[in-house]
């Protein structure tokens, strides 16, 4: 049997009672796929605002996390905030970024392709805009010199 994610990371066990104590904006812990995270320092940077995360604090927030379809980048960022494994999840905990079988990052599809391709569309728009501007300027210069 493969060694569990929590055991590989040597994470301490966090009881549900302990998790429930951390549910304010000044002390915010959540559990995702059996791993407990202290996301207090991340709250000001959360794209949806701190209120959304605090509303799920002190408990297992896996369902809410997955409903939003977080990007691969968000899943990788979560590892920085790990504090333990939720009691009862020691053998099955994967955290939000790995599958139980492969223990490698999962991908949700093209909408969550990560940072690698997120710059392609804006870059193409800028290049196209520059080309249009160039041809408009050249056209005006050609007509004014006639």
N, C-alpha and C. Protein backbone atom coordinates (compact mmCIF):
# COMPACT_ATOMS: atom_id res chain seq x y z
N UNK A 1 0.85 -1.20 0.00
CA UNK A 1 0.00 0.00 0.00
C UNK A 1 0.88 1.25 0.00
N UNK A 2 0.49 2.23 -0.78
CA UNK A 2 1.26 3.47 -0.88
C UNK A 2 1.15 4.25 0.43
N UNK A 3 2.23 4.92 0.76
CA UNK A 3 2.26 5.74 1.96
C UNK A 3 1.35 6.95 1.76
N UNK A 4 0.59 7.31 2.78
CA UNK A 4 -0.35 8.42 2.65
C UNK A 4 0.38 9.75 2.54
N UNK A 5 -0.32 10.70 1.95
CA UNK A 5 0.21 12.06 1.78
C UNK A 5 0.62 12.64 3.14
N UNK A 6 -0.26 12.51 4.13
CA UNK A 6 0.01 13.08 5.45
C UNK A 6 1.24 12.45 6.08
N UNK A 7 1.40 11.14 5.89
CA UNK A 7 2.56 10.46 6.47
C UNK A 7 3.84 10.88 5.76
N UNK A 8 3.78 11.00 4.43
CA UNK A 8 4.95 11.45 3.66
C UNK A 8 5.40 12.83 4.13
N UNK A 9 4.44 13.69 4.42
CA UNK A 9 4.75 15.06 4.83
C UNK A 9 5.01 15.16 6.34
N UNK A 10 4.79 14.06 7.06
CA UNK A 10 4.99 14.02 8.51
C UNK A 10 4.14 15.09 9.22
N UNK A 11 2.87 15.17 8.82
CA UNK A 11 1.97 16.18 9.37
C UNK A 11 1.37 15.71 10.69
N UNK A 12 1.27 16.60 11.68
CA UNK A 12 0.62 16.23 12.94
C UNK A 12 -0.90 16.12 12.74
N UNK A 13 -1.55 15.42 13.64
CA UNK A 13 -3.01 15.28 13.58
C UNK A 13 -3.66 16.47 14.28
N UNK A 14 -4.70 17.01 13.64
CA UNK A 14 -5.48 18.12 14.20
C UNK A 14 -6.88 17.58 14.45
N UNK A 15 -7.36 17.70 15.69
CA UNK A 15 -8.71 17.23 16.00
C UNK A 15 -9.74 18.21 15.44
N UNK A 16 -10.96 17.71 15.26
CA UNK A 16 -12.04 18.58 14.78
C UNK A 16 -12.32 19.67 15.81
N UNK A 17 -12.19 19.32 17.09
CA UNK A 17 -12.40 20.29 18.15
C UNK A 17 -11.37 21.42 18.06
N UNK A 18 -10.11 21.08 17.78
CA UNK A 18 -9.07 22.09 17.62
C UNK A 18 -9.34 22.96 16.39
N UNK A 19 -9.73 22.33 15.29
CA UNK A 19 -10.03 23.05 14.06
C UNK A 19 -11.14 24.08 14.29
N UNK A 20 -12.17 23.70 15.04
CA UNK A 20 -13.31 24.58 15.31
C UNK A 20 -12.93 25.85 16.07
N UNK A 21 -11.79 25.86 16.75
CA UNK A 21 -11.35 27.03 17.51
C UNK A 21 -10.81 28.15 16.61
N UNK A 22 -10.52 27.83 15.37
CA UNK A 22 -9.85 28.78 14.47
C UNK A 22 -10.80 29.23 13.35
N UNK A 23 -11.72 30.12 13.70
CA UNK A 23 -12.73 30.51 12.70
C UNK A 23 -13.00 32.01 12.67
N UNK A 24 -11.95 32.78 12.88
CA UNK A 24 -12.08 34.24 12.80
C UNK A 24 -11.10 34.78 11.76
N UNK A 25 -11.25 36.04 11.43
CA UNK A 25 -10.35 36.66 10.46
C UNK A 25 -8.92 36.78 11.01
N UNK A 26 -8.78 36.78 12.33
CA UNK A 26 -7.45 36.86 12.95
C UNK A 26 -6.82 35.49 13.17
N UNK A 27 -7.60 34.45 13.04
CA UNK A 27 -7.13 33.09 13.27
C UNK A 27 -8.02 32.14 12.46
N UNK A 28 -7.63 31.87 11.23
CA UNK A 28 -8.50 31.19 10.27
C UNK A 28 -7.88 29.90 9.74
N UNK A 29 -8.46 28.77 10.15
CA UNK A 29 -8.02 27.46 9.66
C UNK A 29 -9.17 26.82 8.90
N UNK A 30 -8.84 26.11 7.83
CA UNK A 30 -9.83 25.32 7.09
C UNK A 30 -9.22 23.96 6.79
N UNK A 31 -10.08 22.99 6.55
CA UNK A 31 -9.63 21.66 6.13
C UNK A 31 -10.08 21.44 4.69
N UNK A 32 -9.16 20.93 3.86
CA UNK A 32 -9.45 20.61 2.46
C UNK A 32 -8.92 19.21 2.18
N UNK A 33 -9.81 18.34 1.78
CA UNK A 33 -9.42 16.96 1.46
C UNK A 33 -8.57 16.34 2.56
N UNK A 34 -8.95 16.60 3.82
CA UNK A 34 -8.30 15.97 4.96
C UNK A 34 -7.07 16.68 5.49
N UNK A 35 -6.62 17.73 4.84
CA UNK A 35 -5.46 18.48 5.31
C UNK A 35 -5.94 19.81 5.89
N UNK A 36 -5.37 20.21 7.03
CA UNK A 36 -5.75 21.45 7.70
C UNK A 36 -4.75 22.55 7.33
N UNK A 37 -5.29 23.72 7.01
CA UNK A 37 -4.49 24.86 6.58
C UNK A 37 -4.77 26.07 7.47
N UNK A 38 -3.71 26.79 7.85
CA UNK A 38 -3.86 28.07 8.53
C UNK A 38 -3.74 29.13 7.44
N UNK A 39 -4.88 29.64 7.00
CA UNK A 39 -4.92 30.59 5.88
C UNK A 39 -5.05 32.04 6.34
N UNK A 40 -4.80 32.29 7.61
CA UNK A 40 -4.94 33.64 8.16
C UNK A 40 -4.17 34.67 7.36
N UNK A 41 -2.91 34.40 7.07
CA UNK A 41 -2.07 35.37 6.34
C UNK A 41 -2.49 35.53 4.88
N UNK A 42 -3.21 34.55 4.34
CA UNK A 42 -3.65 34.60 2.95
C UNK A 42 -4.94 35.40 2.77
N UNK A 43 -5.71 35.58 3.83
CA UNK A 43 -7.03 36.21 3.72
C UNK A 43 -7.04 37.53 2.95
N UNK A 44 -6.12 38.47 3.21
CA UNK A 44 -6.16 39.74 2.46
C UNK A 44 -5.94 39.56 0.96
N UNK A 45 -5.31 38.45 0.57
CA UNK A 45 -5.00 38.22 -0.85
C UNK A 45 -6.03 37.34 -1.56
N UNK A 46 -7.00 36.81 -0.83
CA UNK A 46 -7.98 35.92 -1.46
C UNK A 46 -8.80 36.71 -2.48
N UNK A 47 -8.83 36.25 -3.74
CA UNK A 47 -9.54 36.99 -4.80
C UNK A 47 -11.02 37.24 -4.51
N UNK A 48 -11.66 36.35 -3.78
CA UNK A 48 -13.08 36.53 -3.47
C UNK A 48 -13.33 37.32 -2.20
N UNK A 49 -12.26 37.74 -1.55
CA UNK A 49 -12.37 38.48 -0.29
C UNK A 49 -12.26 37.55 0.91
N UNK A 50 -11.85 38.08 2.04
CA UNK A 50 -11.66 37.25 3.23
C UNK A 50 -12.95 36.67 3.79
N UNK A 51 -14.07 37.35 3.58
CA UNK A 51 -15.34 36.90 4.15
C UNK A 51 -15.72 35.50 3.68
N UNK A 52 -15.43 35.22 2.42
CA UNK A 52 -15.79 33.90 1.87
C UNK A 52 -15.04 32.80 2.60
N UNK A 53 -13.76 33.00 2.83
CA UNK A 53 -12.95 31.98 3.50
C UNK A 53 -13.35 31.89 4.97
N UNK A 54 -13.51 33.02 5.63
CA UNK A 54 -13.87 33.02 7.05
C UNK A 54 -15.22 32.33 7.25
N UNK A 55 -16.11 32.45 6.28
CA UNK A 55 -17.41 31.77 6.37
C UNK A 55 -17.30 30.25 6.38
N UNK A 56 -16.18 29.73 5.89
CA UNK A 56 -15.96 28.28 5.88
C UNK A 56 -14.92 27.85 6.91
N UNK A 57 -14.47 28.78 7.72
CA UNK A 57 -13.38 28.49 8.67
C UNK A 57 -13.83 27.60 9.82
N UNK A 58 -12.85 26.90 10.38
CA UNK A 58 -13.10 26.06 11.54
C UNK A 58 -13.75 24.73 11.22
N UNK A 59 -13.77 24.37 9.93
CA UNK A 59 -14.41 23.10 9.54
C UNK A 59 -13.86 22.63 8.20
N UNK A 60 -14.38 21.52 7.74
CA UNK A 60 -13.99 20.99 6.43
C UNK A 60 -14.68 21.83 5.35
N UNK A 61 -13.87 22.49 4.53
CA UNK A 61 -14.39 23.38 3.48
C UNK A 61 -14.16 22.80 2.09
N UNK A 62 -13.95 21.49 2.01
CA UNK A 62 -13.65 20.85 0.73
C UNK A 62 -14.74 21.10 -0.31
N UNK A 63 -15.99 20.94 0.08
CA UNK A 63 -17.08 21.10 -0.88
C UNK A 63 -17.12 22.51 -1.46
N UNK A 64 -17.01 23.52 -0.61
CA UNK A 64 -17.02 24.90 -1.08
C UNK A 64 -15.82 25.17 -1.98
N UNK A 65 -14.65 24.66 -1.61
CA UNK A 65 -13.43 24.86 -2.39
C UNK A 65 -13.58 24.28 -3.79
N UNK A 66 -14.13 23.08 -3.88
CA UNK A 66 -14.27 22.41 -5.17
C UNK A 66 -15.40 23.01 -6.01
N UNK A 67 -16.45 23.53 -5.38
CA UNK A 67 -17.55 24.15 -6.13
C UNK A 67 -17.07 25.35 -6.94
N UNK A 68 -16.05 26.03 -6.46
CA UNK A 68 -15.54 27.23 -7.13
C UNK A 68 -14.56 26.87 -8.24
N UNK A 69 -14.13 25.62 -8.31
CA UNK A 69 -13.16 25.17 -9.32
C UNK A 69 -11.88 26.00 -9.27
N UNK A 70 -11.20 25.96 -8.14
CA UNK A 70 -9.94 26.69 -7.99
C UNK A 70 -8.91 26.22 -9.00
N UNK A 71 -8.05 27.13 -9.40
CA UNK A 71 -7.01 26.84 -10.39
C UNK A 71 -5.94 25.93 -9.82
N UNK A 72 -5.14 25.39 -10.71
CA UNK A 72 -4.00 24.57 -10.29
C UNK A 72 -3.05 25.40 -9.43
N UNK A 73 -2.88 26.66 -9.77
CA UNK A 73 -2.01 27.54 -9.01
C UNK A 73 -2.51 27.68 -7.57
N UNK A 74 -3.80 27.84 -7.38
CA UNK A 74 -4.37 27.95 -6.04
C UNK A 74 -4.12 26.68 -5.25
N UNK A 75 -4.20 25.55 -5.91
CA UNK A 75 -3.97 24.26 -5.25
C UNK A 75 -2.51 24.14 -4.80
N UNK A 76 -1.58 24.59 -5.63
CA UNK A 76 -0.17 24.55 -5.24
C UNK A 76 0.11 25.52 -4.09
N UNK A 77 -0.53 26.69 -4.13
CA UNK A 77 -0.31 27.69 -3.08
C UNK A 77 -0.74 27.17 -1.71
N UNK A 78 -1.75 26.32 -1.68
CA UNK A 78 -2.28 25.82 -0.41
C UNK A 78 -1.21 25.11 0.42
N UNK A 79 -0.28 24.43 -0.22
CA UNK A 79 0.73 23.66 0.50
C UNK A 79 1.53 24.53 1.47
N UNK A 80 1.68 25.79 1.15
CA UNK A 80 2.43 26.73 2.00
C UNK A 80 1.79 26.90 3.37
N UNK A 81 0.48 26.64 3.47
CA UNK A 81 -0.26 26.91 4.69
C UNK A 81 -0.63 25.65 5.48
N UNK A 82 -0.12 24.49 5.11
CA UNK A 82 -0.45 23.24 5.80
C UNK A 82 -0.01 23.28 7.26
N UNK A 83 -0.92 22.83 8.16
CA UNK A 83 -0.55 22.71 9.57
C UNK A 83 -0.73 21.30 10.10
N UNK A 84 -1.52 20.49 9.42
CA UNK A 84 -1.73 19.14 9.91
C UNK A 84 -2.73 18.37 9.07
N UNK A 85 -3.02 17.17 9.54
CA UNK A 85 -4.01 16.32 8.90
C UNK A 85 -5.21 16.22 9.83
N UNK A 86 -6.40 16.33 9.28
CA UNK A 86 -7.63 16.29 10.08
C UNK A 86 -7.83 14.89 10.66
N UNK A 87 -8.10 14.84 11.94
CA UNK A 87 -8.33 13.57 12.64
C UNK A 87 -9.36 12.73 11.88
N UNK A 88 -9.02 11.48 11.66
CA UNK A 88 -9.90 10.58 10.92
C UNK A 88 -9.57 10.51 9.44
N UNK A 89 -8.70 11.40 8.98
CA UNK A 89 -8.32 11.44 7.56
C UNK A 89 -6.87 11.01 7.34
N UNK A 90 -6.23 10.52 8.37
CA UNK A 90 -4.80 10.23 8.29
C UNK A 90 -4.42 9.35 7.11
N UNK A 91 -5.23 8.35 6.80
CA UNK A 91 -4.89 7.42 5.72
C UNK A 91 -5.36 7.83 4.35
N UNK A 92 -6.27 8.81 4.28
CA UNK A 92 -6.87 9.16 2.99
C UNK A 92 -6.63 10.60 2.57
N UNK A 93 -6.08 11.42 3.43
CA UNK A 93 -5.90 12.84 3.12
C UNK A 93 -5.00 13.04 1.91
N UNK A 94 -5.44 13.91 1.00
CA UNK A 94 -4.65 14.21 -0.19
C UNK A 94 -4.33 15.69 -0.31
N UNK A 95 -5.04 16.52 0.44
CA UNK A 95 -4.90 17.95 0.20
C UNK A 95 -5.61 18.28 -1.10
N UNK A 96 -5.73 19.56 -1.44
CA UNK A 96 -6.51 19.93 -2.62
C UNK A 96 -5.78 19.77 -3.94
N UNK A 97 -4.48 19.40 -3.92
CA UNK A 97 -3.78 19.42 -5.19
C UNK A 97 -3.34 18.07 -5.70
N UNK A 98 -3.58 17.02 -4.99
CA UNK A 98 -3.10 15.73 -5.46
C UNK A 98 -4.22 14.70 -5.49
N UNK A 99 -4.09 13.75 -6.40
CA UNK A 99 -5.03 12.65 -6.42
C UNK A 99 -4.49 11.58 -5.49
N UNK A 100 -5.36 10.76 -4.93
CA UNK A 100 -4.91 9.71 -4.01
C UNK A 100 -4.00 8.71 -4.70
N UNK A 101 -4.27 8.40 -5.96
CA UNK A 101 -3.49 7.38 -6.66
C UNK A 101 -2.11 7.87 -7.07
N UNK A 102 -2.06 9.02 -7.68
CA UNK A 102 -0.80 9.45 -8.28
C UNK A 102 0.06 10.34 -7.39
N UNK A 103 -0.55 11.00 -6.42
CA UNK A 103 0.17 11.94 -5.57
C UNK A 103 0.86 13.02 -6.39
N UNK A 104 0.29 13.34 -7.54
CA UNK A 104 0.82 14.42 -8.38
C UNK A 104 -0.30 15.42 -8.62
N UNK A 105 0.03 16.64 -9.00
CA UNK A 105 -1.01 17.64 -9.23
C UNK A 105 -2.05 17.17 -10.24
N UNK A 106 -3.31 17.51 -9.95
CA UNK A 106 -4.38 17.18 -10.88
C UNK A 106 -4.71 18.41 -11.70
N UNK A 107 -5.29 18.18 -12.87
CA UNK A 107 -5.71 19.29 -13.73
C UNK A 107 -7.20 19.17 -13.94
N UNK A 108 -7.86 20.29 -13.93
CA UNK A 108 -9.30 20.29 -14.11
C UNK A 108 -9.70 20.55 -15.54
N UNK A 109 -8.80 21.00 -16.38
CA UNK A 109 -9.14 21.26 -17.77
C UNK A 109 -8.62 22.60 -18.24
N UNK A 110 -8.99 22.98 -19.48
CA UNK A 110 -8.43 24.17 -20.09
C UNK A 110 -8.73 25.47 -19.36
N UNK A 111 -9.85 25.55 -18.64
CA UNK A 111 -10.15 26.79 -17.94
C UNK A 111 -9.21 27.01 -16.77
N UNK A 112 -8.61 25.94 -16.27
CA UNK A 112 -7.69 26.04 -15.15
C UNK A 112 -6.29 25.63 -15.58
N UNK A 113 -5.87 26.10 -16.72
CA UNK A 113 -4.58 25.69 -17.27
C UNK A 113 -3.41 26.24 -16.48
N UNK A 114 -3.62 27.15 -15.57
CA UNK A 114 -2.53 27.69 -14.78
C UNK A 114 -1.89 28.89 -15.45
N UNK A 115 -0.76 29.31 -14.93
CA UNK A 115 -0.10 30.52 -15.42
C UNK A 115 0.54 30.34 -16.78
N UNK A 116 0.84 29.10 -17.17
CA UNK A 116 1.56 28.85 -18.41
C UNK A 116 0.91 29.44 -19.63
N UNK A 117 -0.40 29.42 -19.73
CA UNK A 117 -1.06 29.92 -20.93
C UNK A 117 -1.92 31.16 -20.66
N UNK A 118 -1.97 31.64 -19.44
CA UNK A 118 -2.85 32.76 -19.12
C UNK A 118 -2.43 34.06 -19.79
N UNK A 119 -1.20 34.16 -20.25
CA UNK A 119 -0.71 35.38 -20.89
C UNK A 119 -0.90 35.36 -22.41
N UNK A 120 -1.25 34.21 -23.00
CA UNK A 120 -1.32 34.09 -24.45
C UNK A 120 -2.39 34.98 -25.08
N UNK A 121 -3.59 34.94 -24.57
CA UNK A 121 -4.68 35.74 -25.15
C UNK A 121 -4.39 37.24 -25.02
N UNK A 122 -4.04 37.74 -23.83
CA UNK A 122 -3.73 39.17 -23.74
C UNK A 122 -2.57 39.58 -24.66
N UNK A 123 -1.57 38.74 -24.79
CA UNK A 123 -0.44 39.05 -25.66
C UNK A 123 -0.89 39.13 -27.12
N UNK A 124 -1.75 38.21 -27.53
CA UNK A 124 -2.26 38.21 -28.90
C UNK A 124 -3.08 39.48 -29.17
N UNK A 125 -3.88 39.90 -28.20
CA UNK A 125 -4.68 41.12 -28.35
C UNK A 125 -3.77 42.34 -28.49
N UNK A 126 -2.72 42.41 -27.68
CA UNK A 126 -1.79 43.54 -27.76
C UNK A 126 -1.10 43.57 -29.13
N UNK A 127 -0.63 42.43 -29.59
CA UNK A 127 0.04 42.36 -30.90
C UNK A 127 -0.92 42.77 -32.01
N UNK A 128 -2.14 42.26 -31.97
CA UNK A 128 -3.13 42.61 -33.00
C UNK A 128 -3.44 44.10 -32.96
N UNK A 129 -3.58 44.66 -31.76
CA UNK A 129 -3.84 46.10 -31.63
C UNK A 129 -2.70 46.94 -32.18
N UNK A 130 -1.48 46.52 -31.90
CA UNK A 130 -0.31 47.25 -32.41
C UNK A 130 -0.26 47.19 -33.93
N UNK A 131 -0.59 46.04 -34.50
CA UNK A 131 -0.58 45.89 -35.96
C UNK A 131 -1.64 46.80 -36.60
N UNK A 132 -2.83 46.83 -36.02
CA UNK A 132 -3.90 47.69 -36.55
C UNK A 132 -3.47 49.16 -36.46
N UNK A 133 -2.92 49.56 -35.31
CA UNK A 133 -2.48 50.95 -35.15
C UNK A 133 -1.40 51.30 -36.17
N UNK A 134 -0.46 50.40 -36.40
CA UNK A 134 0.61 50.63 -37.37
C UNK A 134 0.03 50.87 -38.77
N UNK A 135 -0.90 50.00 -39.19
CA UNK A 135 -1.46 50.13 -40.53
C UNK A 135 -2.34 51.37 -40.67
N UNK A 136 -3.04 51.76 -39.63
CA UNK A 136 -3.85 52.98 -39.67
C UNK A 136 -2.94 54.20 -39.81
N UNK A 137 -1.86 54.24 -39.04
CA UNK A 137 -0.91 55.36 -39.13
C UNK A 137 -0.27 55.41 -40.51
N UNK A 138 0.14 54.27 -41.04
CA UNK A 138 0.75 54.21 -42.36
C UNK A 138 -0.23 54.67 -43.43
N UNK A 139 -1.48 54.28 -43.28
CA UNK A 139 -2.51 54.66 -44.24
C UNK A 139 -2.74 56.17 -44.22
N UNK A 140 -2.77 56.77 -43.03
CA UNK A 140 -2.95 58.22 -42.90
C UNK A 140 -1.76 58.97 -43.50
N UNK A 141 -0.56 58.48 -43.26
CA UNK A 141 0.64 59.12 -43.81
C UNK A 141 0.63 59.05 -45.34
N UNK A 142 0.22 57.92 -45.87
CA UNK A 142 0.18 57.75 -47.32
C UNK A 142 -0.85 58.69 -47.94
N UNK A 143 -2.04 58.86 -47.30
CA UNK A 143 -3.06 59.73 -47.86
C UNK A 143 -2.69 61.20 -47.72
N UNK A 144 -1.98 61.58 -46.67
CA UNK A 144 -1.63 62.99 -46.49
C UNK A 144 -0.47 63.40 -47.40
N UNK A 145 0.33 62.47 -47.87
CA UNK A 145 1.45 62.82 -48.75
C UNK A 145 1.02 62.86 -50.21
N UNK A 146 -0.18 62.53 -50.55
CA UNK A 146 -0.67 62.54 -51.94
C UNK A 146 -1.11 63.88 -52.35
